[in-house]
Amino acid sequence: MKAVVLVLLVIIGFMANQLVVIENQRYALMVGMCKSATLAVPDANCLSQVQTRTSWLWHLYYGLTYRP
């Protein structure tokens, strides 16, 4: 039983991390932080490195509660 709980916690942690990454990139695209001057597509390097909010907790909060 403890192993099942541990596996579920690891899965939840992994999914929360992925949600934070996706929300960070979504918000960066929404506010225009990674516009490319020469191309019509956003800069992939910028999206992988940009930090749009002060804490990953804010990304998790907005990722869970944002409704378009």
PDB file of N, CA and C in Angstrom:
ATOM      1  N   MET A   1       0.817  -1.194   0.000  1.00  0.00           N
ATOM      2  CA  MET A   1       0.000   0.000   0.000  1.00  0.00           C
ATOM      3  C   MET A   1       0.867   1.268   0.000  1.00  0.00           C
ATOM      4  N   LYS A   2       1.958   1.227   0.777  1.00  0.00           N
ATOM      5  CA  LYS A   2       2.847   2.386   0.824  1.00  0.00           C
ATOM      6  C   LYS A   2       3.502   2.626  -0.531  1.00  0.00           C
ATOM      7  N   ALA A   3       3.791   1.560  -1.235  1.00  0.00           N
ATOM      8  CA  ALA A   3       4.410   1.696  -2.555  1.00  0.00           C
ATOM      9  C   ALA A   3       3.446   2.346  -3.538  1.00  0.00           C
ATOM     10  N   VAL A   4       2.174   2.009  -3.445  1.00  0.00           N
ATOM     11  CA  VAL A   4       1.166   2.601  -4.331  1.00  0.00           C
ATOM     12  C   VAL A   4       1.042   4.092  -4.059  1.00  0.00           C
ATOM     13  N   VAL A   5       1.010   4.463  -2.789  1.00  0.00           N
ATOM     14  CA  VAL A   5       0.930   5.873  -2.418  1.00  0.00           C
ATOM     15  C   VAL A   5       2.168   6.614  -2.908  1.00  0.00           C
ATOM     16  N   LEU A   6       3.327   6.023  -2.754  1.00  0.00           N
ATOM     17  CA  LEU A   6       4.568   6.648  -3.216  1.00  0.00           C
ATOM     18  C   LEU A   6       4.564   6.841  -4.727  1.00  0.00           C
ATOM     19  N   VAL A   7       4.122   5.833  -5.458  1.00  0.00           N
ATOM     20  CA  VAL A   7       4.054   5.940  -6.920  1.00  0.00           C
ATOM     21  C   VAL A   7       3.069   7.029  -7.325  1.00  0.00           C
ATOM     22  N   LEU A   8       1.925   7.093  -6.670  1.00  0.00           N
ATOM     23  CA  LEU A   8       0.944   8.134  -6.985  1.00  0.00           C
ATOM     24  C   LEU A   8       1.482   9.526  -6.673  1.00  0.00           C
ATOM     25  N   LEU A   9       2.212   9.683  -5.583  1.00  0.00           N
ATOM     26  CA  LEU A   9       2.814  10.979  -5.256  1.00  0.00           C
ATOM     27  C   LEU A   9       3.861  11.391  -6.283  1.00  0.00           C
ATOM     28  N   VAL A  10       4.640  10.448  -6.753  1.00  0.00           N
ATOM     29  CA  VAL A  10       5.632  10.743  -7.792  1.00  0.00           C
ATOM     30  C   VAL A  10       4.930  11.162  -9.079  1.00  0.00           C
ATOM     31  N   ILE A  11       3.868  10.477  -9.438  1.00  0.00           N
ATOM     32  CA  ILE A  11       3.116  10.825 -10.651  1.00  0.00           C
ATOM     33  C   ILE A  11       2.493  12.207 -10.516  1.00  0.00           C
ATOM     34  N   ILE A  12       1.914  12.514  -9.365  1.00  0.00           N
ATOM     35  CA  ILE A  12       1.323  13.836  -9.140  1.00  0.00           C
ATOM     36  C   ILE A  12       2.399  14.913  -9.201  1.00  0.00           C
ATOM     37  N   GLY A  13       3.564  14.662  -8.612  1.00  0.00           N
ATOM     38  CA  GLY A  13       4.661  15.626  -8.671  1.00  0.00           C
ATOM     39  C   GLY A  13       5.139  15.863 -10.090  1.00  0.00           C
ATOM     40  N   PHE A  14       5.261  14.790 -10.868  1.00  0.00           N
ATOM     41  CA  PHE A  14       5.676  14.922 -12.261  1.00  0.00           C
ATOM     42  C   PHE A  14       4.650  15.720 -13.064  1.00  0.00           C
ATOM     43  N   MET A  15       3.375  15.417 -12.873  1.00  0.00           N
ATOM     44  CA  MET A  15       2.329  16.132 -13.606  1.00  0.00           C
ATOM     45  C   MET A  15       2.259  17.599 -13.193  1.00  0.00           C
ATOM     46  N   ALA A  16       2.466  17.892 -11.914  1.00  0.00           N
ATOM     47  CA  ALA A  16       2.476  19.277 -11.449  1.00  0.00           C
ATOM     48  C   ALA A  16       3.642  20.035 -12.068  1.00  0.00           C
ATOM     49  N   ASN A  17       4.800  19.407 -12.156  1.00  0.00           N
ATOM     50  CA  ASN A  17       5.957  20.043 -12.782  1.00  0.00           C
ATOM     51  C   ASN A  17       5.691  20.345 -14.256  1.00  0.00           C
ATOM     52  N   GLN A  18       5.113  19.407 -14.965  1.00  0.00           N
ATOM     53  CA  GLN A  18       4.813  19.627 -16.376  1.00  0.00           C
ATOM     54  C   GLN A  18       3.773  20.732 -16.555  1.00  0.00           C
ATOM     55  N   LEU A  19       2.788  20.794 -15.669  1.00  0.00           N
ATOM     56  CA  LEU A  19       1.789  21.856 -15.724  1.00  0.00           C
ATOM     57  C   LEU A  19       2.434  23.216 -15.504  1.00  0.00           C
ATOM     58  N   VAL A  20       3.393  23.299 -14.593  1.00  0.00           N
ATOM     59  CA  VAL A  20       4.102  24.553 -14.331  1.00  0.00           C
ATOM     60  C   VAL A  20       4.879  24.993 -15.566  1.00  0.00           C
ATOM     61  N   VAL A  21       5.563  24.073 -16.223  1.00  0.00           N
ATOM     62  CA  VAL A  21       6.333  24.399 -17.427  1.00  0.00           C
ATOM     63  C   VAL A  21       5.407  24.894 -18.535  1.00  0.00           C
ATOM     64  N   ILE A  22       4.314  24.197 -18.751  1.00  0.00           N
ATOM     65  CA  ILE A  22       3.373  24.576 -19.808  1.00  0.00           C
ATOM     66  C   ILE A  22       2.720  25.915 -19.502  1.00  0.00           C
ATOM     67  N   GLU A  23       2.340  26.158 -18.257  1.00  0.00           N
ATOM     68  CA  GLU A  23       1.714  27.426 -17.881  1.00  0.00           C
ATOM     69  C   GLU A  23       2.700  28.577 -18.025  1.00  0.00           C
ATOM     70  N   ASN A  24       3.956  28.369 -17.692  1.00  0.00           N
ATOM     71  CA  ASN A  24       4.974  29.396 -17.866  1.00  0.00           C
ATOM     72  C   ASN A  24       5.099  29.778 -19.339  1.00  0.00           C
ATOM     73  N   GLN A  25       5.149  28.793 -20.215  1.00  0.00           N
ATOM     74  CA  GLN A  25       5.264  29.062 -21.648  1.00  0.00           C
ATOM     75  C   GLN A  25       3.988  29.696 -22.200  1.00  0.00           C
ATOM     76  N   ARG A  26       2.823  29.240 -21.739  1.00  0.00           N
ATOM     77  CA  ARG A  26       1.558  29.805 -22.203  1.00  0.00           C
ATOM     78  C   ARG A  26       1.465  31.281 -21.840  1.00  0.00           C
ATOM     79  N   TYR A  27       1.820  31.614 -20.612  1.00  0.00           N
ATOM     80  CA  TYR A  27       1.743  32.999 -20.174  1.00  0.00           C
ATOM     81  C   TYR A  27       2.768  33.867 -20.900  1.00  0.00           C
ATOM     82  N   ALA A  28       3.953  33.330 -21.148  1.00  0.00           N
ATOM     83  CA  ALA A  28       4.965  34.078 -21.898  1.00  0.00           C
ATOM     84  C   ALA A  28       4.476  34.379 -23.309  1.00  0.00           C
ATOM     85  N   LEU A  29       3.804  33.421 -23.937  1.00  0.00           N
ATOM     86  CA  LEU A  29       3.247  33.658 -25.271  1.00  0.00           C
ATOM     87  C   LEU A  29       2.100  34.656 -25.220  1.00  0.00           C
ATOM     88  N   MET A  30       1.283  34.576 -24.177  1.00  0.00           N
ATOM     89  CA  MET A  30       0.121  35.449 -24.064  1.00  0.00           C
ATOM     90  C   MET A  30       0.528  36.916 -23.898  1.00  0.00           C
ATOM     91  N   VAL A  31       1.572  37.177 -23.122  1.00  0.00           N
ATOM     92  CA  VAL A  31       1.996  38.558 -22.901  1.00  0.00           C
ATOM     93  C   VAL A  31       3.049  39.025 -23.900  1.00  0.00           C
ATOM     94  N   GLY A  32       3.495  38.133 -24.789  1.00  0.00           N
ATOM     95  CA  GLY A  32       4.427  38.517 -25.845  1.00  0.00           C
ATOM     96  C   GLY A  32       5.865  38.658 -25.394  1.00  0.00           C
ATOM     97  N   MET A  33       6.301  37.848 -24.463  1.00  0.00           N
ATOM     98  CA  MET A  33       7.672  37.949 -23.956  1.00  0.00           C
ATOM     99  C   MET A  33       8.700  37.334 -24.890  1.00  0.00           C
ATOM    100  N   CYS A  34       8.294  36.452 -25.780  1.00  0.00           N
ATOM    101  CA  CYS A  34       9.253  35.720 -26.618  1.00  0.00           C
ATOM    102  C   CYS A  34       8.991  35.929 -28.107  1.00  0.00           C
ATOM    103  N   LYS A  35       8.714  37.141 -28.481  1.00  0.00           N
ATOM    104  CA  LYS A  35       8.515  37.418 -29.898  1.00  0.00           C
ATOM    105  C   LYS A  35       9.851  37.418 -30.620  1.00  0.00           C
ATOM    106  N   SER A  36       9.872  36.810 -31.778  1.00  0.00           N
ATOM    107  CA  SER A  36      11.069  36.800 -32.604  1.00  0.00           C
ATOM    108  C   SER A  36      10.996  37.983 -33.564  1.00  0.00           C
ATOM    109  N   ALA A  37      12.090  38.713 -33.665  1.00  0.00           N
ATOM    110  CA  ALA A  37      12.105  39.897 -34.520  1.00  0.00           C
ATOM    111  C   ALA A  37      12.090  39.535 -36.000  1.00  0.00           C
ATOM    112  N   THR A  38      12.637  38.381 -36.354  1.00  0.00           N
ATOM    113  CA  THR A  38      12.755  38.032 -37.766  1.00  0.00           C
ATOM    114  C   THR A  38      11.732  37.004 -38.223  1.00  0.00           C
ATOM    115  N   LEU A  39      11.231  36.191 -37.304  1.00  0.00           N
ATOM    116  CA  LEU A  39      10.307  35.130 -37.686  1.00  0.00           C
ATOM    117  C   LEU A  39       8.920  35.384 -37.103  1.00  0.00           C
ATOM    118  N   ALA A  40       7.925  34.739 -37.692  1.00  0.00           N
ATOM    119  CA  ALA A  40       6.563  34.872 -37.190  1.00  0.00           C
ATOM    120  C   ALA A  40       6.284  33.923 -36.025  1.00  0.00           C
ATOM    121  N   VAL A  41       7.195  32.993 -35.779  1.00  0.00           N
ATOM    122  CA  VAL A  41       7.004  32.030 -34.686  1.00  0.00           C
ATOM    123  C   VAL A  41       7.791  32.481 -33.461  1.00  0.00           C
ATOM    124  N   PRO A  42       7.351  32.105 -32.269  1.00  0.00           N
ATOM    125  CA  PRO A  42       8.096  32.488 -31.063  1.00  0.00           C
ATOM    126  C   PRO A  42       9.436  31.766 -30.966  1.00  0.00           C
ATOM    127  N   ASP A  43      10.351  32.369 -30.245  1.00  0.00           N
ATOM    128  CA  ASP A  43      11.691  31.815 -30.062  1.00  0.00           C
ATOM    129  C   ASP A  43      11.641  30.663 -29.059  1.00  0.00           C
ATOM    130  N   ALA A  44      12.027  29.466 -29.480  1.00  0.00           N
ATOM    131  CA  ALA A  44      11.962  28.280 -28.618  1.00  0.00           C
ATOM    132  C   ALA A  44      12.944  28.376 -27.455  1.00  0.00           C
ATOM    133  N   ASN A  45      14.115  28.941 -27.677  1.00  0.00           N
ATOM    134  CA  ASN A  45      15.088  29.094 -26.585  1.00  0.00           C
ATOM    135  C   ASN A  45      14.562  30.037 -25.515  1.00  0.00           C
ATOM    136  N   CYS A  46      13.918  31.092 -25.951  1.00  0.00           N
ATOM    137  CA  CYS A  46      13.333  32.035 -25.000  1.00  0.00           C
ATOM    138  C   CYS A  46      12.252  31.350 -24.173  1.00  0.00           C
ATOM    139  N   LEU A  47      11.396  30.572 -24.822  1.00  0.00           N
ATOM    140  CA  LEU A  47      10.309  29.896 -24.108  1.00  0.00           C
ATOM    141  C   LEU A  47      10.827  28.900 -23.080  1.00  0.00           C
ATOM    142  N   SER A  48      11.954  28.275 -23.356  1.00  0.00           N
ATOM    143  CA  SER A  48      12.475  27.289 -22.411  1.00  0.00           C
ATOM    144  C   SER A  48      13.188  27.937 -21.227  1.00  0.00           C
ATOM    145  N   GLN A  49      13.541  29.230 -21.325  1.00  0.00           N
ATOM    146  CA  GLN A  49      14.305  29.882 -20.264  1.00  0.00           C
ATOM    147  C   GLN A  49      13.567  31.007 -19.552  1.00  0.00           C
ATOM    148  N   VAL A  50      12.472  31.493 -20.103  1.00  0.00           N
ATOM    149  CA  VAL A  50      11.780  32.647 -19.538  1.00  0.00           C
ATOM    150  C   VAL A  50      11.112  32.279 -18.210  1.00  0.00           C
ATOM    151  N   GLN A  51      11.123  33.234 -17.280  1.00  0.00           N
ATOM    152  CA  GLN A  51      10.407  33.095 -16.013  1.00  0.00           C
ATOM    153  C   GLN A  51       9.396  34.230 -15.934  1.00  0.00           C
ATOM    154  N   THR A  52       8.125  33.906 -16.056  1.00  0.00           N
ATOM    155  CA  THR A  52       7.103  34.938 -16.152  1.00  0.00           C
ATOM    156  C   THR A  52       6.514  35.337 -14.815  1.00  0.00           C
ATOM    157  N   ARG A  53       6.586  34.476 -13.830  1.00  0.00           N
ATOM    158  CA  ARG A  53       6.047  34.794 -12.508  1.00  0.00           C
ATOM    159  C   ARG A  53       7.131  34.565 -11.458  1.00  0.00           C
ATOM    160  N   THR A  54       6.878  35.041 -10.245  1.00  0.00           N
ATOM    161  CA  THR A  54       7.907  35.015  -9.210  1.00  0.00           C
ATOM    162  C   THR A  54       8.126  33.644  -8.589  1.00  0.00           C
ATOM    163  N   SER A  55       7.163  32.752  -8.689  1.00  0.00           N
ATOM    164  CA  SER A  55       7.292  31.440  -8.059  1.00  0.00           C
ATOM    165  C   SER A  55       6.582  30.386  -8.892  1.00  0.00           C
ATOM    166  N   TRP A  56       7.064  29.154  -8.814  1.00  0.00           N
ATOM    167  CA  TRP A  56       6.409  28.063  -9.525  1.00  0.00           C
ATOM    168  C   TRP A  56       5.033  27.786  -8.934  1.00  0.00           C
ATOM    169  N   LEU A  57       4.799  28.185  -7.679  1.00  0.00           N
ATOM    170  CA  LEU A  57       3.474  28.005  -7.081  1.00  0.00           C
ATOM    171  C   LEU A  57       2.415  28.824  -7.810  1.00  0.00           C
ATOM    172  N   TRP A  58       2.788  30.028  -8.278  1.00  0.00           N
ATOM    173  CA  TRP A  58       1.833  30.840  -9.041  1.00  0.00           C
ATOM    174  C   TRP A  58       1.501  30.179 -10.368  1.00  0.00           C
ATOM    175  N   HIS A  59       2.492  29.591 -11.005  1.00  0.00           N
ATOM    176  CA  HIS A  59       2.227  28.864 -12.248  1.00  0.00           C
ATOM    177  C   HIS A  59       1.281  27.699 -11.992  1.00  0.00           C
ATOM    178  N   LEU A  60       1.508  26.977 -10.928  1.00  0.00           N
ATOM    179  CA  LEU A  60       0.648  25.844 -10.589  1.00  0.00           C
ATOM    180  C   LEU A  60      -0.763  26.323 -10.277  1.00  0.00           C
ATOM    181  N   TYR A  61      -0.881  27.408  -9.513  1.00  0.00           N
ATOM    182  CA  TYR A  61      -2.198  27.957  -9.180  1.00  0.00           C
ATOM    183  C   TYR A  61      -2.956  28.377 -10.434  1.00  0.00           C
ATOM    184  N   TYR A  62      -2.316  29.175 -11.299  1.00  0.00           N
ATOM    185  CA  TYR A  62      -2.993  29.629 -12.508  1.00  0.00           C
ATOM    186  C   TYR A  62      -3.246  28.481 -13.476  1.00  0.00           C
ATOM    187  N   GLY A  63      -2.357  27.518 -13.521  1.00  0.00           N
ATOM    188  CA  GLY A  63      -2.568  26.355 -14.374  1.00  0.00           C
ATOM    189  C   GLY A  63      -3.769  25.537 -13.954  1.00  0.00           C
ATOM    190  N   LEU A  64      -4.021  25.465 -12.661  1.00  0.00           N
ATOM    191  CA  LEU A  64      -5.162  24.700 -12.157  1.00  0.00           C
ATOM    192  C   LEU A  64      -6.468  25.479 -12.183  1.00  0.00           C
ATOM    193  N   THR A  65      -6.407  26.815 -12.110  1.00  0.00           N
ATOM    194  CA  THR A  65      -7.636  27.600 -11.979  1.00  0.00           C
ATOM    195  C   THR A  65      -8.001  28.419 -13.207  1.00  0.00           C
ATOM    196  N   TYR A  66      -7.101  28.599 -14.164  1.00  0.00           N
ATOM    197  CA  TYR A  66      -7.379  29.458 -15.323  1.00  0.00           C
ATOM    198  C   TYR A  66      -8.449  28.844 -16.210  1.00  0.00           C
ATOM    199  N   ARG A  67      -9.444  29.646 -16.557  1.00  0.00           N
ATOM    200  CA  ARG A  67     -10.504  29.231 -17.474  1.00  0.00           C
ATOM    201  C   ARG A  67     -10.573  30.231 -18.624  1.00  0.00           C
ATOM    202  N   PRO A  68     -10.240  29.814 -19.832  1.00  0.00           N
ATOM    203  CA  PRO A  68     -10.272  30.766 -20.962  1.00  0.00           C
ATOM    204  C   PRO A  68     -11.681  31.161 -21.361  1.00  0.00           C
TER     205      PRO A  68
END
